[in-house]
N, C-alpha and C. Protein backbone atom coordinates (compact mmCIF):
# COMPACT_ATOMS: atom_id res chain seq x y z
N MET A 1 -48.58 39.49 54.94
CA MET A 1 -47.51 39.11 55.97
C MET A 1 -48.12 37.55 56.53
N THR A 2 -47.23 36.71 56.61
CA THR A 2 -47.49 35.29 57.09
C THR A 2 -47.89 35.40 58.47
N LYS A 3 -48.88 34.60 58.70
CA LYS A 3 -49.51 34.48 60.23
C LYS A 3 -48.58 33.29 60.84
N PRO A 4 -48.28 33.60 62.11
CA PRO A 4 -47.17 32.50 62.59
C PRO A 4 -48.18 31.30 63.03
N SER A 5 -47.57 30.22 62.93
CA SER A 5 -48.39 28.97 62.98
C SER A 5 -48.59 28.66 64.40
N LYS A 6 -49.59 27.96 64.75
CA LYS A 6 -50.01 27.63 66.19
C LYS A 6 -48.93 27.00 66.83
N ASP A 7 -48.20 26.10 66.08
CA ASP A 7 -46.95 25.46 66.98
C ASP A 7 -45.92 26.41 67.36
N SER A 8 -45.64 27.46 66.30
CA SER A 8 -44.66 28.19 66.67
C SER A 8 -44.96 29.11 67.99
N ASP A 9 -46.49 29.35 67.88
CA ASP A 9 -46.87 30.16 69.17
C ASP A 9 -46.73 29.30 70.55
N HIS A 10 -46.96 28.07 70.29
CA HIS A 10 -46.81 27.01 71.36
C HIS A 10 -45.32 27.07 71.85
N GLN A 11 -44.46 27.09 70.87
CA GLN A 11 -42.96 26.80 71.37
C GLN A 11 -42.53 28.17 72.04
N ALA A 12 -43.22 29.27 71.60
CA ALA A 12 -42.80 30.57 72.14
C ALA A 12 -43.39 30.88 73.48
N ARG A 13 -44.26 30.11 73.88
CA ARG A 13 -44.79 30.40 75.30
C ARG A 13 -43.91 30.76 76.39
N ALA A 14 -44.16 31.85 77.26
CA ALA A 14 -43.44 32.23 78.29
C ALA A 14 -43.59 31.09 79.39
N ASP A 15 -42.40 31.11 80.23
CA ASP A 15 -42.36 30.09 81.14
C ASP A 15 -43.79 30.16 82.16
N GLU A 16 -44.19 31.56 82.45
CA GLU A 16 -45.27 31.65 83.18
C GLU A 16 -46.48 30.79 82.62
N GLU A 17 -46.65 31.05 81.30
CA GLU A 17 -47.81 30.35 80.60
C GLU A 17 -47.67 28.79 80.79
N ILE A 18 -46.46 28.30 80.68
CA ILE A 18 -46.26 26.88 80.71
C ILE A 18 -46.68 26.44 82.12
N PHE A 19 -46.11 27.21 83.06
CA PHE A 19 -46.36 26.64 84.50
C PHE A 19 -47.92 26.81 84.65
N ASP A 20 -48.60 27.73 84.27
CA ASP A 20 -50.30 27.79 84.41
C ASP A 20 -50.81 26.44 83.74
N ALA A 21 -50.32 26.06 82.58
CA ALA A 21 -50.72 24.95 81.77
C ALA A 21 -50.43 23.60 82.71
N ILE A 22 -49.11 23.51 83.33
CA ILE A 22 -48.68 22.31 83.83
C ILE A 22 -49.70 22.24 85.27
N ARG A 23 -49.78 23.34 85.82
CA ARG A 23 -50.68 23.41 86.96
C ARG A 23 -52.19 22.85 86.70
N ALA A 24 -52.44 23.16 85.64
CA ALA A 24 -53.95 22.92 85.06
C ALA A 24 -53.99 21.32 84.80
N GLY A 25 -52.82 20.51 84.74
CA GLY A 25 -52.71 19.32 84.40
C GLY A 25 -52.45 18.89 82.84
N ASP A 26 -51.69 19.86 82.11
CA ASP A 26 -51.45 19.65 80.83
C ASP A 26 -49.99 18.95 80.59
N ALA A 27 -50.02 17.65 80.42
CA ALA A 27 -48.75 16.94 80.30
C ALA A 27 -47.89 17.54 79.22
N GLU A 28 -48.47 18.05 78.08
CA GLU A 28 -47.76 18.49 77.02
C GLU A 28 -46.85 19.59 77.53
N ALA A 29 -47.52 20.48 78.33
CA ALA A 29 -46.75 21.59 78.91
C ALA A 29 -45.44 21.14 79.66
N TRP A 30 -45.65 20.05 80.41
CA TRP A 30 -44.53 19.52 81.18
C TRP A 30 -43.51 19.14 80.15
N ARG A 31 -43.77 18.34 79.33
CA ARG A 31 -42.78 17.93 78.19
C ARG A 31 -42.16 19.21 77.51
N GLU A 32 -42.92 20.39 77.40
CA GLU A 32 -42.43 21.38 76.69
C GLU A 32 -41.28 22.29 77.62
N LEU A 33 -41.62 22.21 78.87
CA LEU A 33 -40.60 22.74 79.91
C LEU A 33 -39.46 21.92 79.99
N VAL A 34 -39.59 20.50 79.94
CA VAL A 34 -38.20 19.83 80.12
C VAL A 34 -37.49 19.91 78.80
N GLY A 35 -38.08 19.92 77.71
CA GLY A 35 -37.62 20.06 76.48
C GLY A 35 -36.64 21.47 76.32
N ARG A 36 -37.28 22.54 76.94
CA ARG A 36 -36.70 23.89 76.91
C ARG A 36 -35.37 23.98 77.79
N TYR A 37 -35.57 23.17 78.96
CA TYR A 37 -34.35 23.47 80.00
C TYR A 37 -33.46 22.07 80.01
N GLU A 38 -33.76 20.89 79.42
CA GLU A 38 -33.01 19.62 79.51
C GLU A 38 -31.55 19.98 79.36
N ARG A 39 -31.00 20.71 78.36
CA ARG A 39 -29.56 20.89 78.16
C ARG A 39 -29.02 21.63 78.99
N LEU A 40 -29.72 22.75 79.77
CA LEU A 40 -29.15 23.33 80.87
C LEU A 40 -28.93 22.33 82.06
N VAL A 41 -29.94 21.61 82.44
CA VAL A 41 -29.93 20.64 83.52
C VAL A 41 -28.57 19.76 83.35
N MET A 42 -28.50 19.29 82.24
CA MET A 42 -27.42 18.37 81.87
C MET A 42 -26.06 18.97 81.84
N SER A 43 -25.96 20.28 81.58
CA SER A 43 -24.88 21.01 81.35
C SER A 43 -24.06 21.09 82.84
N VAL A 44 -25.00 21.22 83.71
CA VAL A 44 -24.45 21.64 85.22
C VAL A 44 -23.67 20.47 85.71
N PRO A 45 -24.12 19.16 85.73
CA PRO A 45 -23.21 17.94 86.40
C PRO A 45 -22.01 17.69 85.43
N LEU A 46 -22.32 17.82 84.18
CA LEU A 46 -21.12 17.59 83.30
C LEU A 46 -20.18 18.58 83.38
N GLY A 47 -20.51 19.90 83.53
CA GLY A 47 -19.38 20.97 83.60
C GLY A 47 -18.70 20.84 84.94
N LEU A 48 -19.52 20.20 85.90
CA LEU A 48 -18.73 19.94 87.33
C LEU A 48 -17.80 18.64 87.43
N GLY A 49 -17.95 18.10 86.24
CA GLY A 49 -16.82 16.69 86.07
C GLY A 49 -17.81 15.47 86.39
N LEU A 50 -18.83 15.47 86.60
CA LEU A 50 -19.77 14.07 86.91
C LEU A 50 -19.59 13.45 85.65
N SER A 51 -19.62 12.15 86.00
CA SER A 51 -19.69 11.17 84.76
C SER A 51 -21.13 11.27 84.13
N PRO A 52 -21.18 10.70 82.80
CA PRO A 52 -22.56 10.82 82.23
C PRO A 52 -23.69 10.02 82.97
N HIS A 53 -23.43 8.98 83.60
CA HIS A 53 -24.32 8.23 84.57
C HIS A 53 -24.79 9.05 85.71
N ASP A 54 -23.85 9.76 86.38
CA ASP A 54 -24.15 10.45 87.43
C ASP A 54 -24.84 11.86 87.01
N ALA A 55 -24.60 12.24 85.85
CA ALA A 55 -25.30 13.33 85.21
C ALA A 55 -26.73 13.03 85.10
N GLU A 56 -26.96 11.93 84.56
CA GLU A 56 -28.35 11.43 84.30
C GLU A 56 -29.21 11.17 85.61
N GLU A 57 -28.42 10.94 86.80
CA GLU A 57 -28.99 10.80 88.08
C GLU A 57 -29.41 12.46 88.58
N VAL A 58 -28.64 13.16 88.26
CA VAL A 58 -28.82 14.62 88.60
C VAL A 58 -29.86 15.06 87.82
N PHE A 59 -30.12 14.57 86.36
CA PHE A 59 -31.25 15.18 85.57
C PHE A 59 -32.40 14.66 86.09
N GLN A 60 -32.61 13.43 86.51
CA GLN A 60 -33.82 13.00 87.06
C GLN A 60 -34.21 13.38 88.39
N ALA A 61 -33.16 13.65 89.33
CA ALA A 61 -33.41 14.28 90.36
C ALA A 61 -33.85 15.64 90.38
N THR A 62 -33.27 16.60 89.55
CA THR A 62 -33.68 17.84 89.41
C THR A 62 -35.09 17.96 88.79
N TRP A 63 -35.55 17.38 87.88
CA TRP A 63 -36.88 17.39 87.39
C TRP A 63 -37.79 16.81 88.34
N ARG A 64 -37.43 15.69 89.26
CA ARG A 64 -38.35 15.32 90.17
C ARG A 64 -38.73 16.29 91.38
N THR A 65 -37.50 17.05 91.75
CA THR A 65 -37.64 18.04 92.65
C THR A 65 -38.59 19.22 92.02
N LEU A 66 -38.42 19.43 91.00
CA LEU A 66 -39.28 20.62 90.35
C LEU A 66 -40.69 20.10 90.27
N TYR A 67 -41.12 18.97 90.00
CA TYR A 67 -42.27 18.39 89.70
C TYR A 67 -42.94 18.37 91.13
N GLU A 68 -42.14 18.08 92.23
CA GLU A 68 -42.68 18.13 93.57
C GLU A 68 -42.96 19.55 94.14
N HIS A 69 -42.35 20.63 93.47
CA HIS A 69 -42.50 21.79 93.80
C HIS A 69 -43.20 22.74 92.89
N VAL A 70 -43.82 22.33 91.83
CA VAL A 70 -44.32 22.99 90.83
C VAL A 70 -45.47 23.86 91.28
N ARG A 71 -46.27 23.59 92.29
CA ARG A 71 -47.32 24.42 92.78
C ARG A 71 -46.85 25.55 93.85
N SER A 72 -45.72 25.38 94.22
CA SER A 72 -45.15 26.27 95.28
C SER A 72 -44.21 27.36 94.78
N ILE A 73 -43.80 27.17 93.42
CA ILE A 73 -42.96 27.99 93.00
C ILE A 73 -43.58 29.43 92.58
N ARG A 74 -43.08 30.43 93.29
CA ARG A 74 -43.89 31.84 93.14
C ARG A 74 -43.35 32.65 91.99
N GLN A 75 -42.22 32.29 91.41
CA GLN A 75 -41.72 33.33 90.17
C GLN A 75 -41.39 32.30 88.99
N PRO A 76 -42.44 31.53 88.28
CA PRO A 76 -42.09 30.82 87.24
C PRO A 76 -41.24 31.39 86.17
N GLY A 77 -41.34 32.90 86.07
CA GLY A 77 -40.44 33.52 85.00
C GLY A 77 -39.03 33.29 85.25
N ARG A 78 -38.65 33.15 86.57
CA ARG A 78 -37.36 32.82 86.97
C ARG A 78 -36.83 31.48 87.11
N ILE A 79 -37.60 30.69 86.18
CA ILE A 79 -37.52 28.95 86.56
C ILE A 79 -36.02 28.65 86.04
N ALA A 80 -35.38 29.19 85.04
CA ALA A 80 -34.04 28.77 84.65
C ALA A 80 -32.98 28.95 85.80
N PHE A 81 -33.20 30.17 86.69
CA PHE A 81 -32.22 30.30 87.78
C PHE A 81 -32.49 29.05 88.74
N TRP A 82 -33.78 28.84 89.07
CA TRP A 82 -34.18 27.82 90.05
C TRP A 82 -33.64 26.44 89.53
N ILE A 83 -33.84 26.08 88.38
CA ILE A 83 -33.26 24.96 87.85
C ILE A 83 -31.86 24.88 87.87
N ARG A 84 -31.22 25.87 87.52
CA ARG A 84 -29.65 25.71 87.64
C ARG A 84 -29.25 25.60 89.13
N THR A 85 -29.78 26.28 89.93
CA THR A 85 -29.34 26.06 91.46
C THR A 85 -29.67 24.71 91.97
N THR A 86 -30.94 24.30 91.58
CA THR A 86 -31.28 22.86 91.85
C THR A 86 -30.36 21.63 91.32
N ALA A 87 -30.03 21.93 90.03
CA ALA A 87 -29.07 21.07 89.39
C ALA A 87 -27.69 21.02 90.07
N ARG A 88 -27.28 22.19 90.47
CA ARG A 88 -26.03 22.29 91.14
C ARG A 88 -26.11 21.64 92.44
N ARG A 89 -27.04 21.81 93.28
CA ARG A 89 -27.21 21.09 94.60
C ARG A 89 -27.46 19.62 94.42
N GLU A 90 -28.07 19.27 93.35
CA GLU A 90 -28.13 17.71 93.15
C GLU A 90 -26.84 17.20 92.51
N SER A 91 -26.08 17.96 91.82
CA SER A 91 -24.71 17.48 91.36
C SER A 91 -23.88 17.21 92.60
N TRP A 92 -23.99 18.21 93.58
CA TRP A 92 -23.09 18.03 94.76
C TRP A 92 -23.59 16.76 95.52
N ARG A 93 -24.77 16.72 95.74
CA ARG A 93 -25.23 15.38 96.50
C ARG A 93 -24.92 14.14 95.74
N GLN A 94 -24.88 14.24 94.45
CA GLN A 94 -24.59 13.05 93.52
C GLN A 94 -23.00 12.62 93.82
N GLY A 95 -22.41 13.72 93.67
CA GLY A 95 -20.78 13.71 94.01
C GLY A 95 -20.47 13.15 95.34
N GLN A 96 -21.20 13.66 96.42
CA GLN A 96 -21.01 12.94 97.69
C GLN A 96 -21.37 11.74 97.78
N LYS A 97 -22.43 11.30 97.30
CA LYS A 97 -22.90 9.83 97.26
C LYS A 97 -21.94 8.91 96.56
N ARG A 98 -21.38 9.47 95.55
CA ARG A 98 -20.41 8.56 94.87
C ARG A 98 -19.19 8.40 95.66
N SER A 99 -18.58 9.47 96.27
CA SER A 99 -17.43 9.59 97.11
C SER A 99 -17.82 8.56 98.34
N GLN A 100 -18.79 8.66 98.85
CA GLN A 100 -19.14 7.77 100.06
C GLN A 100 -19.15 6.37 99.51
N GLU A 101 -19.56 6.05 98.40
CA GLU A 101 -19.72 4.62 98.12
C GLU A 101 -18.21 4.19 97.92
N ASN A 102 -17.28 4.86 97.58
CA ASN A 102 -15.97 4.54 97.25
C ASN A 102 -15.20 4.46 98.69
N LEU A 103 -15.62 5.18 99.80
CA LEU A 103 -15.17 5.17 101.05
C LEU A 103 -15.22 3.64 101.76
N GLY A 104 -14.22 3.31 102.60
CA GLY A 104 -14.33 2.19 103.46
C GLY A 104 -15.31 2.28 104.43
N SER A 105 -15.68 1.42 105.02
CA SER A 105 -16.81 1.41 106.16
C SER A 105 -16.28 2.25 107.35
N ALA A 106 -15.11 2.09 107.68
CA ALA A 106 -14.60 2.88 108.82
C ALA A 106 -14.55 4.40 108.69
N GLU A 107 -14.18 4.75 107.34
CA GLU A 107 -14.17 6.19 107.03
C GLU A 107 -15.71 6.70 106.95
N LEU A 108 -16.54 5.82 106.45
CA LEU A 108 -17.97 6.28 106.27
C LEU A 108 -18.40 6.46 107.81
N ASP A 109 -18.15 5.64 108.56
CA ASP A 109 -18.55 5.71 110.05
C ASP A 109 -18.16 7.05 110.63
N SER A 110 -16.95 7.36 110.34
CA SER A 110 -16.40 8.58 110.97
C SER A 110 -17.22 9.89 110.43
N LEU A 111 -17.48 9.65 109.01
CA LEU A 111 -18.10 10.80 108.42
C LEU A 111 -19.52 11.04 109.00
N THR A 112 -20.25 9.96 109.30
CA THR A 112 -21.76 9.83 109.84
C THR A 112 -21.67 10.19 111.25
N ALA A 113 -20.46 10.21 112.05
CA ALA A 113 -20.51 10.68 113.44
C ALA A 113 -20.28 12.33 113.53
N LEU A 114 -20.41 13.01 112.48
CA LEU A 114 -20.17 14.25 112.54
C LEU A 114 -21.35 14.89 113.15
N PRO A 115 -20.99 15.87 114.12
CA PRO A 115 -22.20 16.48 114.92
C PRO A 115 -23.17 17.10 114.15
N SER A 116 -24.56 17.23 114.71
CA SER A 116 -25.55 17.55 113.57
C SER A 116 -25.56 19.15 113.42
N SER A 117 -24.47 19.82 114.27
CA SER A 117 -24.30 21.34 114.17
C SER A 117 -23.49 21.86 112.76
N VAL A 118 -22.85 20.75 112.13
CA VAL A 118 -22.19 21.07 111.05
C VAL A 118 -23.16 21.34 109.85
N PRO A 119 -22.88 22.51 109.37
CA PRO A 119 -23.82 22.98 108.12
C PRO A 119 -23.67 22.09 106.95
N ASP A 120 -24.92 21.71 106.17
CA ASP A 120 -25.02 21.09 105.09
C ASP A 120 -24.12 21.92 103.85
N PRO A 121 -23.17 21.18 103.48
CA PRO A 121 -22.29 21.83 102.44
C PRO A 121 -23.07 22.31 101.23
N ALA A 122 -24.01 21.53 100.89
CA ALA A 122 -24.85 21.79 99.77
C ALA A 122 -25.56 23.19 99.88
N ASP A 123 -26.08 23.35 101.12
CA ASP A 123 -26.74 24.64 101.33
C ASP A 123 -25.89 25.79 101.58
N GLU A 124 -24.64 25.54 102.05
CA GLU A 124 -23.59 26.53 102.12
C GLU A 124 -23.10 26.92 100.70
N LEU A 125 -22.97 25.84 99.76
CA LEU A 125 -22.69 26.10 98.33
C LEU A 125 -23.75 26.89 97.86
N GLY A 126 -24.98 26.71 98.10
CA GLY A 126 -26.05 27.51 97.28
C GLY A 126 -25.96 29.01 97.79
N ARG A 127 -25.68 29.03 99.26
CA ARG A 127 -25.70 30.36 99.78
C ARG A 127 -24.53 31.37 99.17
N ARG A 128 -23.37 30.74 99.15
CA ARG A 128 -22.22 31.29 98.51
C ARG A 128 -22.60 31.75 96.91
N GLU A 129 -23.10 30.81 96.35
CA GLU A 129 -23.45 31.00 94.74
C GLU A 129 -24.51 32.36 94.83
N ALA A 130 -25.57 32.21 95.58
CA ALA A 130 -26.49 33.20 95.53
C ALA A 130 -26.07 34.57 95.96
N HIS A 131 -24.98 34.57 96.86
CA HIS A 131 -24.40 35.81 97.49
C HIS A 131 -23.60 36.47 96.30
N ALA A 132 -22.76 35.53 95.59
CA ALA A 132 -21.92 36.00 94.51
C ALA A 132 -22.79 36.65 93.25
N GLU A 133 -23.95 35.94 93.03
CA GLU A 133 -24.82 36.53 92.01
C GLU A 133 -25.47 37.74 92.33
N VAL A 134 -25.71 37.85 93.61
CA VAL A 134 -26.26 39.20 94.13
C VAL A 134 -25.50 40.35 94.04
N VAL A 135 -23.91 39.97 94.63
CA VAL A 135 -23.13 41.06 94.38
C VAL A 135 -22.74 41.39 92.91
N ALA A 136 -22.83 40.45 91.97
CA ALA A 136 -22.69 40.66 90.54
C ALA A 136 -23.80 41.61 90.18
N GLY A 137 -25.04 41.25 90.55
CA GLY A 137 -26.12 42.09 90.20
C GLY A 137 -26.10 43.55 90.77
N LEU A 138 -25.50 43.69 91.91
CA LEU A 138 -25.39 45.08 92.64
C LEU A 138 -24.60 45.74 91.47
N ASP A 139 -23.50 45.27 90.95
CA ASP A 139 -22.51 46.03 90.16
C ASP A 139 -23.31 46.40 88.95
N GLN A 140 -24.50 46.01 88.67
CA GLN A 140 -25.11 46.67 87.46
C GLN A 140 -26.07 47.85 87.67
N LEU A 141 -26.38 47.84 89.02
CA LEU A 141 -27.38 49.01 89.32
C LEU A 141 -26.51 50.28 89.43
N GLY A 142 -27.35 51.33 89.56
CA GLY A 142 -26.77 52.73 89.60
C GLY A 142 -26.03 52.92 90.94
N PRO A 143 -25.09 53.84 91.08
CA PRO A 143 -24.27 54.07 92.35
C PRO A 143 -25.34 54.25 93.54
N ARG A 144 -26.27 55.16 93.38
CA ARG A 144 -26.99 55.17 94.57
C ARG A 144 -27.70 54.04 94.95
N CYS A 145 -28.47 53.19 94.29
CA CYS A 145 -29.09 52.00 94.64
C CYS A 145 -28.13 50.85 95.27
N ARG A 146 -26.77 50.82 94.46
CA ARG A 146 -25.80 50.00 94.82
C ARG A 146 -25.37 50.22 96.38
N LEU A 147 -25.05 51.44 96.47
CA LEU A 147 -24.51 52.07 98.01
C LEU A 147 -25.68 51.67 99.04
N LEU A 148 -26.67 51.91 98.77
CA LEU A 148 -27.81 51.88 99.69
C LEU A 148 -28.16 50.39 100.07
N LEU A 149 -28.36 49.52 99.04
CA LEU A 149 -28.52 48.19 99.38
C LEU A 149 -27.26 47.47 99.83
N THR A 150 -26.14 47.85 99.56
CA THR A 150 -24.74 47.39 100.24
C THR A 150 -24.90 47.82 101.67
N ARG A 151 -25.08 49.00 101.90
CA ARG A 151 -25.13 49.43 103.39
C ARG A 151 -26.24 48.90 104.18
N LEU A 152 -27.32 48.67 103.72
CA LEU A 152 -28.29 48.06 104.37
C LEU A 152 -28.36 46.61 104.44
N PHE A 153 -27.91 45.71 103.51
CA PHE A 153 -27.93 44.36 103.66
C PHE A 153 -26.53 43.67 103.65
N LEU A 154 -25.47 44.25 103.27
CA LEU A 154 -24.24 43.49 103.16
C LEU A 154 -23.14 43.93 104.30
N GLU A 155 -23.52 44.99 104.99
CA GLU A 155 -22.53 45.51 106.01
C GLU A 155 -22.90 44.90 107.44
N SER A 156 -22.15 44.69 108.23
CA SER A 156 -22.40 44.22 109.48
C SER A 156 -21.58 44.99 110.57
N PRO A 157 -22.04 45.59 111.48
CA PRO A 157 -23.59 45.73 111.66
C PRO A 157 -24.18 46.91 110.76
N ALA A 158 -25.54 46.51 110.49
CA ALA A 158 -26.14 47.21 109.53
C ALA A 158 -26.44 48.75 110.17
N PRO A 159 -26.14 49.78 109.19
CA PRO A 159 -26.40 50.98 109.88
C PRO A 159 -27.81 51.53 110.02
N SER A 160 -27.92 52.43 111.10
CA SER A 160 -29.45 52.96 111.20
C SER A 160 -29.73 53.76 110.10
N TYR A 161 -30.99 54.11 109.79
CA TYR A 161 -31.65 54.83 108.69
C TYR A 161 -31.12 56.35 108.99
N ASP A 162 -30.86 56.66 110.03
CA ASP A 162 -30.37 58.10 110.14
C ASP A 162 -28.99 58.19 109.74
N GLU A 163 -28.01 57.15 110.00
CA GLU A 163 -26.72 57.04 109.33
C GLU A 163 -26.77 57.10 107.84
N VAL A 164 -27.70 56.22 107.37
CA VAL A 164 -27.80 56.21 105.86
C VAL A 164 -28.38 57.52 105.18
N SER A 165 -29.30 58.15 106.00
CA SER A 165 -29.78 59.40 105.56
C SER A 165 -28.73 60.36 105.56
N GLU A 166 -27.97 60.42 106.38
CA GLU A 166 -26.85 61.41 106.30
C GLU A 166 -25.80 61.13 105.32
N GLU A 167 -25.39 59.79 105.18
CA GLU A 167 -24.43 59.49 104.19
C GLU A 167 -24.84 59.76 102.82
N LEU A 168 -25.98 59.30 102.49
CA LEU A 168 -26.59 59.43 101.17
C LEU A 168 -27.45 60.80 100.91
N ASP A 169 -27.34 61.71 101.78
CA ASP A 169 -28.15 62.93 101.80
C ASP A 169 -29.54 62.72 101.30
N MET A 170 -30.19 61.66 101.91
CA MET A 170 -31.50 61.26 101.70
C MET A 170 -32.47 61.37 102.74
N PRO A 171 -33.69 61.76 102.73
CA PRO A 171 -34.53 62.04 103.89
C PRO A 171 -34.74 60.54 104.39
N VAL A 172 -34.95 60.41 105.68
CA VAL A 172 -35.17 59.13 106.24
C VAL A 172 -36.54 58.61 105.79
N GLY A 173 -37.67 59.29 105.59
CA GLY A 173 -38.81 58.68 104.95
C GLY A 173 -38.68 58.28 103.57
N SER A 174 -37.70 58.63 102.85
CA SER A 174 -37.57 58.01 101.40
C SER A 174 -36.78 56.88 101.39
N ILE A 175 -35.94 56.39 102.44
CA ILE A 175 -35.15 55.22 102.41
C ILE A 175 -35.91 53.76 102.12
N GLY A 176 -36.92 53.81 102.99
CA GLY A 176 -37.91 52.51 102.52
C GLY A 176 -38.37 52.39 101.03
N PRO A 177 -39.12 53.41 100.64
CA PRO A 177 -39.40 53.37 99.11
C PRO A 177 -38.39 53.35 98.16
N THR A 178 -37.29 53.98 98.45
CA THR A 178 -36.18 53.76 97.67
C THR A 178 -35.45 52.58 97.60
N ARG A 179 -35.36 51.86 98.85
CA ARG A 179 -34.97 50.49 99.08
C ARG A 179 -35.76 49.48 98.25
N ILE A 180 -37.14 49.75 98.26
CA ILE A 180 -37.82 48.73 97.60
C ILE A 180 -37.65 48.85 95.98
N ARG A 181 -37.69 50.19 95.48
CA ARG A 181 -37.46 50.30 93.94
C ARG A 181 -36.15 49.74 93.53
N CYS A 182 -35.04 49.77 94.53
CA CYS A 182 -33.67 49.41 94.14
C CYS A 182 -33.65 47.63 94.26
N LEU A 183 -34.43 47.08 95.19
CA LEU A 183 -34.61 45.65 95.29
C LEU A 183 -35.37 45.17 93.95
N GLU A 184 -36.55 45.84 93.60
CA GLU A 184 -37.03 45.52 92.22
C GLU A 184 -36.19 45.48 91.12
N LYS A 185 -35.40 46.67 90.92
CA LYS A 185 -34.50 46.56 89.82
C LYS A 185 -33.36 45.48 89.92
N LEU A 186 -32.89 45.28 91.23
CA LEU A 186 -32.01 44.01 91.28
C LEU A 186 -32.58 42.60 91.00
N ALA A 187 -33.97 42.64 91.47
CA ALA A 187 -34.65 41.22 91.02
C ALA A 187 -34.73 41.12 89.60
N MET A 188 -35.03 42.23 88.84
CA MET A 188 -35.04 42.21 87.42
C MET A 188 -33.95 41.77 86.81
N ILE A 189 -32.64 42.24 87.36
CA ILE A 189 -31.27 41.96 86.86
C ILE A 189 -31.04 40.49 86.91
N LEU A 190 -31.41 39.96 88.28
CA LEU A 190 -31.11 38.64 88.62
C LEU A 190 -31.92 37.81 87.76
N GLY A 191 -33.18 38.01 87.52
CA GLY A 191 -34.25 37.26 86.66
C GLY A 191 -33.76 37.16 85.38
N ALA A 192 -33.20 38.48 84.59
CA ALA A 192 -32.62 38.31 83.42
C ALA A 192 -31.45 37.39 83.18
N LYS A 193 -30.59 37.38 84.32
CA LYS A 193 -29.23 36.63 84.12
C LYS A 193 -29.81 35.11 84.24
N GLY A 194 -30.73 34.77 85.10
CA GLY A 194 -31.35 33.34 85.19
C GLY A 194 -32.01 33.00 83.77
N ALA A 195 -32.64 33.98 83.19
CA ALA A 195 -33.27 33.57 81.90
C ALA A 195 -32.22 33.31 80.63
N ASP A 196 -31.09 33.99 80.75
CA ASP A 196 -30.01 33.78 79.75
C ASP A 196 -29.40 32.57 79.78
N LEU A 197 -29.38 31.75 80.87
CA LEU A 197 -28.70 30.69 80.85
C LEU A 197 -29.07 29.58 80.10
């Protein structure tokens, strides 16, 4: 049986291993990570209709943001999801920047006069996308987990544990542990979705 080469082992490293190497100062690991996900990063702005020049700006900004946060990322195994979300936000910012450059000064002044209470559209877009992905992930859970998480986290006002206990025929004391197991399953589903991108 042929033994795999050292190079093929290196290329097949998990994202967690690459992050460990990057955090240890391995420049080659950084190049490996960029090579692994550069097509994903470029596909986001181009898919949103930005020009190749603007897509390049998004590419640079996405990797710069990752570099700045490389030590604070807690789940390197979900980095594809993180990268895609960051590229979307950077794409939105680049699109806004390009639009503002094309505005007349009077129009730009009226935009900058917006009150500070107006939410950042990039953050709102990120929240909506994350919500949609969570809802899609819930659809892949079993009915008991789906109903429990929906009742606890997506309904307003949230029901009491007594109400959930009665509705699901579940002892109140088992709701917390069941909720944790269901959230872990959902995290695995969302992580797998991010890794497939």
